[in-house]
Amino acid sequence: MKVSREQAAQNRERIVDAAAQLFRERGFEGIGVADLMKAAGLTHGGFYGHFGSKEDLMAQASARALARSLALWSKLAERAPDDPVAAIASVYLTSRHRDNPGAGCLLAALGPDVARHGPAVRRAVTEYLRSAFDLLTGLVTGNSKTLRRRKAIATYASLIGAMIMARAVDDPALSQQILDAVLQSVSKT
């Protein structure tokens, strides 16, 4: 049975959304096409009508998750003009984010995996990082644009590193200490 263009577009969106979540939860190699399609409520056979390959879907799902992160950061910064970096960090460095990688930062969940994949996935991450660094450069303090950009990159690297470490340890108190320490270090004092 042939579906309408509108239904096909909706199906594609469901697949990308499901993949964005499941890749962050299980890793790029932790879930196959059949299970991705099942999670989207579709049959395995329809996958190649929407995507050229799993790598194509990985790139599109990554771009979707990253775009949503950037939009969230922009909203958080707008709502807290006195300390926008702290506003972002206070949402990022939480136990809720730590415990729900499928709804969180793609880089904290999949950063090392991205480096092992093709140019389309890496391009999505590169484009996002440029935009995220631009956003943060406008939010951090510093005497020059060069200094602010360095600080923006270091701040984001600190957030990602903290999340990775907080997820890696088996001691809840230590995990929380990691999140709290980095939150304090990136916030105005």
N, C-alpha and C. Protein backbone atom coordinates (compact mmCIF):
# COMPACT_ATOMS: atom_id res chain seq x y z
N MET A 1 0.84 -1.17 0.00
CA MET A 1 0.00 0.00 0.00
C MET A 1 0.89 1.24 0.00
N LYS A 2 0.65 2.11 -0.92
CA LYS A 2 1.45 3.33 -1.07
C LYS A 2 0.95 4.39 -0.08
N VAL A 3 1.93 5.07 0.55
CA VAL A 3 1.58 6.12 1.50
C VAL A 3 1.71 7.48 0.82
N SER A 4 0.98 8.45 1.34
CA SER A 4 1.05 9.80 0.78
C SER A 4 2.41 10.43 1.10
N ARG A 5 2.73 11.49 0.39
CA ARG A 5 3.99 12.20 0.67
C ARG A 5 4.00 12.73 2.09
N GLU A 6 2.85 13.21 2.52
CA GLU A 6 2.75 13.73 3.89
C GLU A 6 3.02 12.63 4.91
N GLN A 7 2.42 11.46 4.69
CA GLN A 7 2.64 10.34 5.60
C GLN A 7 4.09 9.86 5.54
N ALA A 8 4.67 9.84 4.36
CA ALA A 8 6.07 9.44 4.22
C ALA A 8 6.98 10.40 4.99
N ALA A 9 6.68 11.70 4.92
CA ALA A 9 7.47 12.70 5.65
C ALA A 9 7.31 12.51 7.15
N GLN A 10 6.10 12.22 7.60
CA GLN A 10 5.87 11.97 9.02
C GLN A 10 6.60 10.71 9.48
N ASN A 11 6.58 9.68 8.65
CA ASN A 11 7.30 8.44 8.97
C ASN A 11 8.79 8.70 9.09
N ARG A 12 9.32 9.46 8.18
CA ARG A 12 10.75 9.80 8.20
C ARG A 12 11.10 10.54 9.49
N GLU A 13 10.26 11.50 9.88
CA GLU A 13 10.48 12.24 11.12
C GLU A 13 10.47 11.30 12.33
N ARG A 14 9.55 10.35 12.35
CA ARG A 14 9.49 9.38 13.45
C ARG A 14 10.76 8.55 13.51
N ILE A 15 11.26 8.16 12.36
CA ILE A 15 12.48 7.36 12.32
C ILE A 15 13.67 8.17 12.85
N VAL A 16 13.81 9.39 12.38
CA VAL A 16 14.93 10.24 12.81
C VAL A 16 14.86 10.51 14.31
N ASP A 17 13.66 10.81 14.81
CA ASP A 17 13.50 11.06 16.24
C ASP A 17 13.83 9.82 17.07
N ALA A 18 13.32 8.68 16.65
CA ALA A 18 13.61 7.43 17.38
C ALA A 18 15.10 7.12 17.34
N ALA A 19 15.71 7.31 16.19
CA ALA A 19 17.15 7.04 16.06
C ALA A 19 17.97 8.00 16.92
N ALA A 20 17.60 9.27 16.95
CA ALA A 20 18.33 10.24 17.76
C ALA A 20 18.34 9.81 19.23
N GLN A 21 17.23 9.32 19.71
CA GLN A 21 17.16 8.87 21.10
C GLN A 21 17.91 7.55 21.29
N LEU A 22 17.65 6.59 20.45
CA LEU A 22 18.22 5.26 20.64
C LEU A 22 19.73 5.22 20.41
N PHE A 23 20.24 6.00 19.48
CA PHE A 23 21.69 6.06 19.30
C PHE A 23 22.36 6.60 20.57
N ARG A 24 21.76 7.63 21.17
CA ARG A 24 22.34 8.19 22.39
C ARG A 24 22.24 7.21 23.55
N GLU A 25 21.19 6.42 23.59
CA GLU A 25 21.03 5.44 24.67
C GLU A 25 21.95 4.24 24.50
N ARG A 26 22.08 3.73 23.27
CA ARG A 26 22.74 2.45 23.04
C ARG A 26 24.02 2.53 22.22
N GLY A 27 24.30 3.68 21.65
CA GLY A 27 25.46 3.82 20.77
C GLY A 27 25.05 3.53 19.33
N PHE A 28 25.88 4.00 18.41
CA PHE A 28 25.59 3.80 16.99
C PHE A 28 25.54 2.31 16.63
N GLU A 29 26.42 1.54 17.22
CA GLU A 29 26.47 0.11 16.89
C GLU A 29 25.60 -0.73 17.82
N GLY A 30 24.98 -0.10 18.82
CA GLY A 30 24.20 -0.82 19.81
C GLY A 30 22.78 -1.11 19.39
N ILE A 31 22.40 -0.65 18.22
CA ILE A 31 21.04 -0.91 17.74
C ILE A 31 21.07 -1.04 16.22
N GLY A 32 20.33 -2.00 15.73
CA GLY A 32 20.27 -2.23 14.30
C GLY A 32 19.08 -1.55 13.64
N VAL A 33 19.08 -1.59 12.34
CA VAL A 33 18.02 -0.96 11.55
C VAL A 33 16.65 -1.55 11.90
N ALA A 34 16.57 -2.84 12.04
CA ALA A 34 15.26 -3.47 12.33
C ALA A 34 14.69 -2.95 13.64
N ASP A 35 15.52 -2.84 14.68
CA ASP A 35 15.03 -2.35 15.96
C ASP A 35 14.71 -0.85 15.92
N LEU A 36 15.47 -0.09 15.14
CA LEU A 36 15.16 1.34 14.98
C LEU A 36 13.79 1.52 14.32
N MET A 37 13.56 0.75 13.28
CA MET A 37 12.28 0.85 12.58
C MET A 37 11.13 0.39 13.48
N LYS A 38 11.36 -0.65 14.24
CA LYS A 38 10.33 -1.11 15.17
C LYS A 38 10.02 -0.03 16.20
N ALA A 39 11.04 0.64 16.72
CA ALA A 39 10.84 1.70 17.70
C ALA A 39 10.04 2.86 17.10
N ALA A 40 10.19 3.07 15.81
CA ALA A 40 9.44 4.13 15.11
C ALA A 40 8.04 3.66 14.71
N GLY A 41 7.74 2.37 14.97
CA GLY A 41 6.43 1.83 14.64
C GLY A 41 6.27 1.48 13.17
N LEU A 42 7.42 1.20 12.52
CA LEU A 42 7.40 0.90 11.10
C LEU A 42 8.10 -0.42 10.83
N THR A 43 7.96 -0.92 9.61
CA THR A 43 8.60 -2.19 9.26
C THR A 43 10.01 -1.96 8.74
N HIS A 44 10.83 -2.95 8.94
CA HIS A 44 12.23 -2.90 8.52
C HIS A 44 12.37 -2.64 7.03
N GLY A 45 11.48 -3.19 6.26
CA GLY A 45 11.55 -3.08 4.80
C GLY A 45 11.46 -1.66 4.27
N GLY A 46 10.87 -0.77 5.02
CA GLY A 46 10.71 0.59 4.55
C GLY A 46 11.91 1.50 4.78
N PHE A 47 12.92 1.00 5.47
CA PHE A 47 14.05 1.85 5.84
C PHE A 47 14.73 2.49 4.63
N TYR A 48 15.04 1.69 3.62
CA TYR A 48 15.81 2.21 2.49
C TYR A 48 15.00 3.10 1.55
N GLY A 49 13.69 3.19 1.78
CA GLY A 49 12.90 4.17 1.08
C GLY A 49 13.09 5.57 1.65
N HIS A 50 13.64 5.62 2.86
CA HIS A 50 13.86 6.90 3.53
C HIS A 50 15.33 7.30 3.61
N PHE A 51 16.22 6.32 3.69
CA PHE A 51 17.64 6.58 3.92
C PHE A 51 18.50 5.70 3.03
N GLY A 52 19.62 6.23 2.61
CA GLY A 52 20.53 5.47 1.77
C GLY A 52 21.30 4.41 2.53
N SER A 53 21.48 4.64 3.83
CA SER A 53 22.25 3.71 4.66
C SER A 53 22.01 4.04 6.13
N LYS A 54 22.48 3.17 6.99
CA LYS A 54 22.41 3.46 8.43
C LYS A 54 23.27 4.68 8.74
N GLU A 55 24.40 4.81 8.07
CA GLU A 55 25.28 5.97 8.27
C GLU A 55 24.55 7.27 7.92
N ASP A 56 23.74 7.25 6.89
CA ASP A 56 22.94 8.41 6.51
C ASP A 56 21.97 8.76 7.65
N LEU A 57 21.31 7.76 8.20
CA LEU A 57 20.41 7.99 9.33
C LEU A 57 21.19 8.49 10.54
N MET A 58 22.36 7.94 10.80
CA MET A 58 23.16 8.40 11.94
C MET A 58 23.48 9.89 11.81
N ALA A 59 23.83 10.32 10.62
CA ALA A 59 24.15 11.73 10.39
C ALA A 59 22.92 12.60 10.61
N GLN A 60 21.79 12.19 10.08
CA GLN A 60 20.57 12.99 10.22
C GLN A 60 20.06 13.01 11.66
N ALA A 61 20.14 11.87 12.33
CA ALA A 61 19.72 11.81 13.74
C ALA A 61 20.65 12.65 14.60
N SER A 62 21.93 12.62 14.31
CA SER A 62 22.89 13.43 15.05
C SER A 62 22.60 14.91 14.85
N ALA A 63 22.41 15.30 13.61
CA ALA A 63 22.12 16.71 13.32
C ALA A 63 20.84 17.15 14.03
N ARG A 64 19.84 16.30 14.07
CA ARG A 64 18.57 16.64 14.75
C ARG A 64 18.80 16.84 16.24
N ALA A 65 19.48 15.90 16.88
CA ALA A 65 19.72 16.01 18.32
C ALA A 65 20.57 17.24 18.65
N LEU A 66 21.56 17.50 17.84
CA LEU A 66 22.45 18.64 18.08
C LEU A 66 21.72 19.96 17.87
N ALA A 67 20.88 20.04 16.86
CA ALA A 67 20.11 21.27 16.63
C ALA A 67 19.18 21.55 17.80
N ARG A 68 18.59 20.53 18.34
CA ARG A 68 17.71 20.71 19.50
C ARG A 68 18.49 21.18 20.72
N SER A 69 19.70 20.66 20.90
CA SER A 69 20.54 21.12 22.01
C SER A 69 20.88 22.59 21.86
N LEU A 70 21.24 22.99 20.67
CA LEU A 70 21.60 24.39 20.43
C LEU A 70 20.40 25.31 20.67
N ALA A 71 19.23 24.89 20.24
CA ALA A 71 18.02 25.69 20.46
C ALA A 71 17.73 25.82 21.95
N LEU A 72 17.88 24.75 22.69
CA LEU A 72 17.67 24.79 24.13
C LEU A 72 18.66 25.74 24.79
N TRP A 73 19.93 25.64 24.41
CA TRP A 73 20.95 26.52 24.99
C TRP A 73 20.62 27.99 24.71
N SER A 74 20.17 28.28 23.51
CA SER A 74 19.81 29.66 23.16
C SER A 74 18.68 30.17 24.04
N LYS A 75 17.66 29.35 24.25
CA LYS A 75 16.54 29.74 25.10
C LYS A 75 16.99 29.94 26.55
N LEU A 76 17.81 29.03 27.05
CA LEU A 76 18.29 29.16 28.42
C LEU A 76 19.11 30.44 28.60
N ALA A 77 19.95 30.75 27.63
CA ALA A 77 20.77 31.95 27.70
C ALA A 77 19.92 33.21 27.67
N GLU A 78 18.88 33.23 26.84
CA GLU A 78 17.99 34.39 26.76
C GLU A 78 17.26 34.64 28.07
N ARG A 79 16.91 33.57 28.76
CA ARG A 79 16.16 33.69 30.01
C ARG A 79 17.04 34.12 31.19
N ALA A 80 18.35 34.04 31.05
CA ALA A 80 19.26 34.35 32.17
C ALA A 80 20.39 35.26 31.70
N PRO A 81 20.07 36.50 31.33
CA PRO A 81 21.11 37.38 30.78
C PRO A 81 22.24 37.71 31.76
N ASP A 82 22.00 37.60 33.06
CA ASP A 82 23.04 37.91 34.04
C ASP A 82 24.13 36.85 34.10
N ASP A 83 23.78 35.60 33.88
CA ASP A 83 24.78 34.53 33.87
C ASP A 83 24.28 33.40 32.96
N PRO A 84 24.30 33.63 31.65
CA PRO A 84 23.75 32.65 30.71
C PRO A 84 24.51 31.32 30.70
N VAL A 85 25.81 31.35 30.93
CA VAL A 85 26.58 30.10 30.94
C VAL A 85 26.16 29.24 32.12
N ALA A 86 25.95 29.87 33.28
CA ALA A 86 25.48 29.12 34.45
C ALA A 86 24.10 28.54 34.19
N ALA A 87 23.26 29.27 33.48
CA ALA A 87 21.92 28.76 33.16
C ALA A 87 22.01 27.50 32.31
N ILE A 88 22.88 27.53 31.33
CA ILE A 88 23.08 26.36 30.47
C ILE A 88 23.66 25.21 31.29
N ALA A 89 24.71 25.52 32.04
CA ALA A 89 25.40 24.48 32.81
C ALA A 89 24.49 23.88 33.88
N SER A 90 23.62 24.69 34.46
CA SER A 90 22.75 24.18 35.53
C SER A 90 21.70 23.21 35.00
N VAL A 91 21.40 23.27 33.73
CA VAL A 91 20.51 22.28 33.12
C VAL A 91 21.32 21.08 32.61
N TYR A 92 22.49 21.35 32.08
CA TYR A 92 23.36 20.30 31.51
C TYR A 92 23.92 19.39 32.60
N LEU A 93 24.41 19.98 33.67
CA LEU A 93 25.13 19.22 34.71
C LEU A 93 24.19 18.76 35.82
N THR A 94 23.19 17.99 35.43
CA THR A 94 22.20 17.49 36.39
C THR A 94 22.18 15.97 36.40
N SER A 95 21.65 15.44 37.48
CA SER A 95 21.48 13.98 37.55
C SER A 95 20.45 13.53 36.52
N ARG A 96 19.48 14.37 36.23
CA ARG A 96 18.47 14.02 35.22
C ARG A 96 19.14 13.80 33.86
N HIS A 97 20.02 14.72 33.46
CA HIS A 97 20.73 14.57 32.20
C HIS A 97 21.65 13.36 32.26
N ARG A 98 22.37 13.22 33.36
CA ARG A 98 23.29 12.09 33.54
C ARG A 98 22.56 10.76 33.37
N ASP A 99 21.38 10.65 33.95
CA ASP A 99 20.66 9.38 34.00
C ASP A 99 19.80 9.12 32.77
N ASN A 100 19.72 10.07 31.86
CA ASN A 100 18.88 9.93 30.66
C ASN A 100 19.64 10.32 29.41
N PRO A 101 20.66 9.55 29.04
CA PRO A 101 21.46 9.94 27.87
C PRO A 101 20.66 10.01 26.58
N GLY A 102 19.59 9.26 26.47
CA GLY A 102 18.79 9.27 25.25
C GLY A 102 18.11 10.61 24.98
N ALA A 103 17.97 11.42 26.02
CA ALA A 103 17.35 12.73 25.86
C ALA A 103 18.37 13.85 26.02
N GLY A 104 19.64 13.51 26.12
CA GLY A 104 20.65 14.51 26.43
C GLY A 104 21.61 14.80 25.31
N CYS A 105 22.76 15.27 25.71
CA CYS A 105 23.81 15.72 24.79
C CYS A 105 24.37 14.55 23.97
N LEU A 106 24.31 14.70 22.68
CA LEU A 106 24.84 13.68 21.79
C LEU A 106 26.34 13.48 21.99
N LEU A 107 27.07 14.57 22.21
CA LEU A 107 28.52 14.45 22.34
C LEU A 107 28.92 13.74 23.62
N ALA A 108 28.19 13.97 24.71
CA ALA A 108 28.50 13.27 25.96
C ALA A 108 28.17 11.78 25.83
N ALA A 109 27.19 11.45 25.02
CA ALA A 109 26.79 10.06 24.84
C ALA A 109 27.59 9.34 23.75
N LEU A 110 27.95 10.05 22.69
CA LEU A 110 28.51 9.39 21.51
C LEU A 110 29.82 9.98 21.00
N GLY A 111 30.40 10.93 21.71
CA GLY A 111 31.59 11.62 21.21
C GLY A 111 32.66 10.71 20.63
N PRO A 112 33.14 9.73 21.41
CA PRO A 112 34.18 8.85 20.85
C PRO A 112 33.71 8.04 19.64
N ASP A 113 32.43 7.67 19.62
CA ASP A 113 31.89 6.92 18.48
C ASP A 113 31.87 7.75 17.20
N VAL A 114 31.62 9.04 17.34
CA VAL A 114 31.56 9.92 16.17
C VAL A 114 32.86 9.85 15.37
N ALA A 115 33.98 9.84 16.10
CA ALA A 115 35.29 9.81 15.44
C ALA A 115 35.51 8.55 14.61
N ARG A 116 34.75 7.51 14.88
CA ARG A 116 34.90 6.23 14.17
C ARG A 116 33.98 6.11 12.96
N HIS A 117 33.21 7.14 12.69
CA HIS A 117 32.25 7.05 11.60
C HIS A 117 32.60 7.98 10.46
N GLY A 118 31.80 7.89 9.43
CA GLY A 118 32.11 8.56 8.17
C GLY A 118 31.96 10.07 8.20
N PRO A 119 32.23 10.67 7.06
CA PRO A 119 32.25 12.12 6.97
C PRO A 119 30.90 12.79 7.25
N ALA A 120 29.80 12.15 6.96
CA ALA A 120 28.50 12.80 7.16
C ALA A 120 28.21 12.99 8.65
N VAL A 121 28.51 12.00 9.46
CA VAL A 121 28.30 12.12 10.90
C VAL A 121 29.25 13.16 11.48
N ARG A 122 30.50 13.08 11.08
CA ARG A 122 31.49 14.04 11.58
C ARG A 122 31.17 15.46 11.12
N ARG A 123 30.64 15.61 9.92
CA ARG A 123 30.26 16.94 9.41
C ARG A 123 29.14 17.52 10.26
N ALA A 124 28.15 16.71 10.62
CA ALA A 124 27.05 17.19 11.46
C ALA A 124 27.58 17.69 12.80
N VAL A 125 28.51 16.97 13.38
CA VAL A 125 29.08 17.36 14.67
C VAL A 125 29.94 18.62 14.50
N THR A 126 30.72 18.68 13.45
CA THR A 126 31.57 19.85 13.21
C THR A 126 30.74 21.12 13.06
N GLU A 127 29.69 21.05 12.26
CA GLU A 127 28.83 22.21 12.05
C GLU A 127 28.17 22.64 13.36
N TYR A 128 27.72 21.66 14.13
CA TYR A 128 27.11 21.98 15.42
C TYR A 128 28.13 22.64 16.36
N LEU A 129 29.32 22.06 16.46
CA LEU A 129 30.31 22.62 17.37
C LEU A 129 30.66 24.06 17.00
N ARG A 130 30.78 24.33 15.73
CA ARG A 130 31.03 25.72 15.32
C ARG A 130 29.93 26.65 15.83
N SER A 131 28.69 26.22 15.68
CA SER A 131 27.56 27.04 16.13
C SER A 131 27.53 27.14 17.66
N ALA A 132 27.78 26.04 18.34
CA ALA A 132 27.78 26.06 19.80
C ALA A 132 28.89 26.95 20.33
N PHE A 133 30.07 26.87 19.71
CA PHE A 133 31.18 27.72 20.13
C PHE A 133 30.87 29.19 19.86
N ASP A 134 30.22 29.47 18.74
CA ASP A 134 29.83 30.85 18.44
C ASP A 134 28.86 31.37 19.50
N LEU A 135 27.87 30.54 19.85
CA LEU A 135 26.91 30.94 20.87
C LEU A 135 27.61 31.21 22.19
N LEU A 136 28.43 30.26 22.63
CA LEU A 136 29.12 30.42 23.91
C LEU A 136 30.11 31.59 23.89
N THR A 137 30.75 31.83 22.76
CA THR A 137 31.68 32.95 22.66
C THR A 137 30.97 34.27 22.96
N GLY A 138 29.72 34.37 22.56
CA GLY A 138 28.94 35.56 22.84
C GLY A 138 28.45 35.64 24.28
N LEU A 139 28.59 34.55 25.03
CA LEU A 139 28.06 34.51 26.39
C LEU A 139 29.14 34.61 27.48
N VAL A 140 30.35 34.16 27.17
CA VAL A 140 31.41 34.18 28.18
C VAL A 140 32.07 35.55 28.21
N THR A 141 32.79 35.80 29.29
CA THR A 141 33.49 37.07 29.42
C THR A 141 34.93 36.93 28.94
N GLY A 142 35.51 38.04 28.56
CA GLY A 142 36.91 38.05 28.12
C GLY A 142 37.20 39.35 27.40
N ASN A 143 38.49 39.70 27.36
CA ASN A 143 38.90 40.98 26.78
C ASN A 143 38.97 40.99 25.26
N SER A 144 38.99 39.83 24.65
CA SER A 144 39.07 39.77 23.19
C SER A 144 38.22 38.61 22.69
N LYS A 145 37.89 38.67 21.41
CA LYS A 145 37.11 37.58 20.82
C LYS A 145 37.90 36.27 20.86
N THR A 146 39.20 36.36 20.64
CA THR A 146 40.05 35.16 20.68
C THR A 146 40.00 34.51 22.06
N LEU A 147 40.13 35.32 23.09
CA LEU A 147 40.09 34.81 24.46
C LEU A 147 38.71 34.23 24.78
N ARG A 148 37.64 34.91 24.36
CA ARG A 148 36.29 34.42 24.62
C ARG A 148 36.05 33.10 23.88
N ARG A 149 36.56 32.98 22.66
CA ARG A 149 36.39 31.72 21.91
C ARG A 149 37.11 30.58 22.62
N ARG A 150 38.33 30.82 23.06
CA ARG A 150 39.06 29.78 23.81
C ARG A 150 38.29 29.37 25.06
N LYS A 151 37.77 30.37 25.75
CA LYS A 151 37.02 30.10 26.97
C LYS A 151 35.73 29.33 26.64
N ALA A 152 35.09 29.67 25.54
CA ALA A 152 33.88 28.97 25.12
C ALA A 152 34.17 27.50 24.83
N ILE A 153 35.24 27.24 24.11
CA ILE A 153 35.62 25.85 23.80
C ILE A 153 35.95 25.09 25.08
N ALA A 154 36.72 25.71 25.96
CA ALA A 154 37.10 25.05 27.22
C ALA A 154 35.86 24.80 28.09
N THR A 155 34.93 25.72 28.09
CA THR A 155 33.71 25.56 28.88
C THR A 155 32.91 24.36 28.38
N TYR A 156 32.72 24.29 27.07
CA TYR A 156 31.93 23.17 26.54
C TYR A 156 32.65 21.85 26.76
N ALA A 157 33.96 21.85 26.57
CA ALA A 157 34.73 20.63 26.81
C ALA A 157 34.60 20.21 28.28
N SER A 158 34.56 21.16 29.18
CA SER A 158 34.39 20.85 30.60
C SER A 158 33.01 20.23 30.87
N LEU A 159 31.98 20.77 30.24
CA LEU A 159 30.64 20.21 30.42
C LEU A 159 30.57 18.77 29.93
N ILE A 160 31.08 18.54 28.74
CA ILE A 160 31.05 17.19 28.17
C ILE A 160 31.88 16.23 29.03
N GLY A 161 33.07 16.66 29.37
CA GLY A 161 33.94 15.80 30.19
C GLY A 161 33.31 15.46 31.52
N ALA A 162 32.70 16.45 32.15
CA ALA A 162 32.04 16.20 33.43
C ALA A 162 30.92 15.18 33.29
N MET A 163 30.13 15.32 32.22
CA MET A 163 29.02 14.38 32.03
C MET A 163 29.54 12.97 31.77
N ILE A 164 30.57 12.85 30.97
CA ILE A 164 31.13 11.53 30.69
C ILE A 164 31.65 10.90 31.98
N MET A 165 32.40 11.66 32.77
CA MET A 165 32.94 11.12 34.02
C MET A 165 31.83 10.80 35.01
N ALA A 166 30.82 11.68 35.13
CA ALA A 166 29.73 11.45 36.07
C ALA A 166 28.96 10.17 35.71
N ARG A 167 28.87 9.87 34.42
CA ARG A 167 28.20 8.64 34.00
C ARG A 167 29.09 7.41 34.19
N ALA A 168 30.39 7.61 34.17
CA ALA A 168 31.32 6.48 34.20
C ALA A 168 31.54 5.90 35.59
N VAL A 169 31.42 6.73 36.63
CA VAL A 169 31.73 6.23 37.97
C VAL A 169 30.55 5.46 38.56
N ASP A 170 30.86 4.57 39.51
CA ASP A 170 29.81 3.78 40.15
C ASP A 170 29.45 4.30 41.54
N ASP A 171 29.94 5.47 41.88
CA ASP A 171 29.69 6.08 43.18
C ASP A 171 28.81 7.31 42.98
N PRO A 172 27.54 7.25 43.38
CA PRO A 172 26.64 8.38 43.16
C PRO A 172 27.13 9.70 43.78
N ALA A 173 27.75 9.62 44.94
CA ALA A 173 28.24 10.84 45.58
C ALA A 173 29.37 11.46 44.76
N LEU A 174 30.29 10.64 44.27
CA LEU A 174 31.38 11.15 43.43
C LEU A 174 30.83 11.70 42.12
N SER A 175 29.87 11.03 41.56
CA SER A 175 29.24 11.50 40.33
C SER A 175 28.67 12.90 40.52
N GLN A 176 27.97 13.10 41.61
CA GLN A 176 27.39 14.41 41.89
C GLN A 176 28.48 15.45 42.16
N GLN A 177 29.55 15.06 42.83
CA GLN A 177 30.66 15.98 43.07
C GLN A 177 31.26 16.48 41.76
N ILE A 178 31.38 15.60 40.79
CA ILE A 178 31.91 15.98 39.48
C ILE A 178 31.01 17.03 38.84
N LEU A 179 29.72 16.75 38.83
CA LEU A 179 28.77 17.70 38.22
C LEU A 179 28.81 19.04 38.94
N ASP A 180 28.80 19.01 40.27
CA ASP A 180 28.79 20.25 41.05
C ASP A 180 30.07 21.05 40.87
N ALA A 181 31.20 20.37 40.84
CA ALA A 181 32.49 21.07 40.70
C ALA A 181 32.58 21.81 39.38
N VAL A 182 32.17 21.18 38.31
CA VAL A 182 32.24 21.83 37.01
C VAL A 182 31.20 22.93 36.90
N LEU A 183 30.03 22.72 37.46
CA LEU A 183 29.03 23.79 37.47
C LEU A 183 29.59 25.02 38.16
N GLN A 184 30.20 24.83 39.29
CA GLN A 184 30.78 25.98 40.01
C GLN A 184 31.90 26.62 39.22
N SER A 185 32.70 25.83 38.52
CA SER A 185 33.84 26.38 37.79
C SER A 185 33.44 27.20 36.57
N VAL A 186 32.28 26.90 35.98
CA VAL A 186 31.87 27.63 34.78
C VAL A 186 30.90 28.77 35.07
N SER A 187 30.43 28.86 36.30
CA SER A 187 29.49 29.91 36.68
C SER A 187 30.25 31.11 37.23
N LYS A 188 29.64 32.27 37.11
CA LYS A 188 30.22 33.47 37.72
C LYS A 188 30.23 33.28 39.22
N THR A 189 31.25 33.77 39.87
CA THR A 189 31.32 33.64 41.33
C THR A 189 31.02 34.94 42.02
